[in-house]
Protein backbone atom coordinates (compact mmCIF):
# COMPACT_ATOMS: atom_id res chain seq x y z
CA UNK A 1 92.83 5.39 41.99
CA UNK A 2 93.71 7.45 45.38
CA UNK A 3 95.73 10.16 45.04
CA UNK A 4 98.48 10.51 47.70
CA UNK A 5 98.86 13.99 49.19
CA UNK A 6 102.38 15.20 50.87
CA UNK A 7 101.36 17.11 54.13
CA UNK A 8 104.13 19.62 54.73
CA UNK A 9 104.19 22.23 57.22
CA UNK A 10 106.39 25.58 57.38
CA UNK A 11 107.01 26.91 60.76
CA UNK A 12 108.25 29.97 62.09
CA UNK A 13 109.85 28.02 65.05
CA UNK A 14 108.88 25.13 67.37
CA UNK A 15 107.70 25.98 70.87
CA UNK A 16 106.51 23.80 73.54
CA UNK A 17 107.80 20.89 75.80
CA UNK A 18 106.73 18.37 78.11
CA UNK A 19 102.52 18.39 78.16
CA UNK A 20 102.40 17.72 82.20
CA UNK A 21 105.14 20.89 82.88
CA UNK A 22 102.90 23.06 80.40
CA UNK A 23 99.97 21.95 82.34
CA UNK A 24 101.26 22.81 85.30
CA UNK A 25 101.11 26.41 84.58
CA UNK A 26 97.21 26.38 84.45
CA UNK A 27 96.69 23.81 87.43
CA UNK A 28 97.84 23.93 91.29
CA UNK A 29 97.80 20.33 91.82
CA UNK A 30 101.72 20.56 92.41
CA UNK A 31 102.18 23.78 93.80
CA UNK A 32 99.64 26.42 95.27
CA UNK A 33 100.93 29.31 93.71
CA UNK A 34 101.75 27.81 90.08
CA UNK A 35 98.97 29.31 88.11
CA UNK A 36 99.21 33.01 90.01
CA UNK A 37 103.23 32.96 89.09
CA UNK A 38 102.77 31.82 85.72
CA UNK A 39 99.86 34.40 84.90
CA UNK A 40 101.68 37.46 86.63
CA UNK A 41 105.04 36.43 84.93
CA UNK A 42 102.92 35.73 81.36
CA UNK A 43 105.05 32.45 81.24
CA UNK A 44 102.80 30.97 78.74
CA UNK A 45 103.38 32.64 75.31
CA UNK A 46 100.51 34.98 73.93
CA UNK A 47 98.25 33.59 70.79
CA UNK A 48 100.51 36.07 68.69
CA UNK A 49 103.54 34.44 69.73
CA UNK A 50 102.23 30.82 68.72
CA UNK A 51 101.14 31.91 65.58
CA UNK A 52 102.69 30.24 62.94
CA UNK A 53 104.53 27.91 65.32
CA UNK A 54 104.88 23.95 65.57
CA UNK A 55 103.62 22.64 68.72
CA UNK A 56 106.41 20.29 70.14
CA UNK A 57 104.55 18.18 72.87
CA UNK A 58 106.23 15.13 74.72
CA UNK A 59 105.02 13.37 77.63
CA UNK A 60 106.97 12.63 81.15
CA UNK A 61 108.34 9.33 82.57
CA UNK A 62 105.25 9.60 84.64
CA UNK A 63 103.10 7.97 82.32
CA UNK A 64 100.34 10.09 82.75
CA UNK A 65 96.69 8.34 82.82
CA UNK A 66 94.59 8.86 79.28
CA UNK A 67 91.99 10.81 81.32
CA UNK A 68 94.58 13.33 82.69
CA UNK A 69 96.12 13.72 79.51
CA UNK A 70 92.91 14.65 77.82
CA UNK A 71 92.20 17.06 80.49
CA UNK A 72 95.53 18.57 79.46
CA UNK A 73 95.26 18.49 75.84
CA UNK A 74 91.56 20.30 76.36
CA UNK A 75 93.16 23.03 78.70
CA UNK A 76 95.74 23.88 75.76
CA UNK A 77 92.82 23.78 73.32
CA UNK A 78 91.03 26.40 75.37
CA UNK A 79 94.32 28.63 75.11
CA UNK A 80 93.27 28.95 71.46
CA UNK A 81 96.75 27.77 70.40
CA UNK A 82 95.37 25.04 67.94
CA UNK A 83 93.99 27.63 65.91
CA UNK A 84 97.16 29.63 65.30
CA UNK A 85 99.73 27.20 65.25
CA UNK A 86 100.90 25.19 61.76
CA UNK A 87 101.38 21.56 62.93
CA UNK A 88 101.95 19.62 66.02
CA UNK A 89 105.41 17.34 66.69
CA UNK A 90 104.69 14.79 69.23
CA UNK A 91 107.07 12.50 71.17
CA UNK A 92 107.20 8.79 71.69
CA UNK A 93 105.56 7.94 74.98
CA UNK A 94 107.76 6.61 77.84
CA UNK A 95 108.01 2.70 77.00
CA UNK A 96 105.15 3.31 74.62
CA UNK A 97 102.65 3.24 77.38
CA UNK A 98 99.33 4.71 76.27
CA UNK A 99 100.52 4.99 72.87
CA UNK A 100 97.17 4.50 71.28
CA UNK A 101 95.38 6.37 73.89
CA UNK A 102 97.28 9.46 73.67
CA UNK A 103 97.13 9.35 69.65
CA UNK A 104 93.20 8.98 69.64
CA UNK A 105 92.88 11.57 72.11
CA UNK A 106 95.16 14.10 70.49
CA UNK A 107 93.16 13.60 67.36
CA UNK A 108 89.71 13.95 69.19
CA UNK A 109 90.77 16.80 71.34
CA UNK A 110 92.48 19.05 68.37
CA UNK A 111 89.62 18.10 66.15
CA UNK A 112 91.27 19.77 63.05
CA UNK A 113 92.03 17.58 60.25
CA UNK A 114 93.65 20.19 58.39
CA UNK A 115 96.19 20.85 61.18
CA UNK A 116 99.29 18.16 60.59
CA UNK A 117 100.36 16.08 63.44
CA UNK A 118 103.67 14.26 63.70
CA UNK A 119 103.14 11.23 66.33
CA UNK A 120 105.92 8.90 67.80
CA UNK A 121 108.86 11.20 67.27
CA UNK A 122 112.17 10.22 69.29
CA UNK A 123 112.22 13.44 71.58
CA UNK A 124 111.60 13.89 74.95
CA UNK A 125 111.87 11.53 77.95
CA UNK A 126 111.70 8.44 76.17
CA UNK A 127 114.71 6.59 74.28
CA UNK A 128 116.13 6.92 71.84
CA UNK A 129 115.89 10.75 71.69
CA UNK A 130 117.29 13.55 69.65
CA UNK A 131 117.11 17.33 70.35
CA UNK A 132 114.91 19.66 68.53
CA UNK A 133 115.99 23.28 68.58
CA UNK A 134 113.50 25.82 69.60
CA UNK A 135 112.72 29.16 67.69
CA UNK A 136 114.19 27.70 64.60
CA UNK A 137 112.31 27.72 61.13
CA UNK A 138 111.48 23.99 60.38
CA UNK A 139 109.99 22.49 57.43
CA UNK A 140 107.96 18.78 58.61
CA UNK A 141 107.37 16.41 55.72
CA UNK A 142 105.12 14.05 57.34
CA UNK A 143 104.92 11.68 54.28
CA UNK A 144 108.62 11.66 53.80
CA UNK A 145 109.33 11.47 57.82
CA UNK A 146 111.65 14.22 58.04
CA UNK A 147 112.29 17.29 59.85
CA UNK A 148 114.51 19.80 58.62
CA UNK A 149 115.74 22.92 60.43
CA UNK A 150 116.26 25.98 58.14
CA UNK A 151 118.76 28.06 60.22
CA UNK A 152 118.56 30.31 63.20
CA UNK A 153 116.43 33.37 63.77
CA UNK A 154 119.29 35.86 63.66
CA UNK A 155 116.93 38.52 62.43
């Protein structure tokens, strides 16, 4: 008999966004001064700011090819955030293009079976979509497929 284990993750807030836009902070492909500006103004949060957060990732309507998506994930891994966050919420890919590829690459690059990942959430560029509040404590119940928000950060 197999024992079912509910994967629940509690966070000190949700932080993230469009993976292509986040990657732009580390790559000068679109604009030649992006990396310098992001570094100068410390636009990418520090590891301390990521600690205990749930990383929210969603992909754009550009339908990024899997090889580039993997490169983006590797860049995120190099920042060290996968070792300090409490989970990952991933939005449904646009038109479900590269659905299986993105899912496989995410698991491969994160390479941490203890880090909860909720995939194919209706957020971001794809439809239907909902709004996920940033900075609000959240409880993610993977088995129950439910994300609960626990109030604002009025501390």
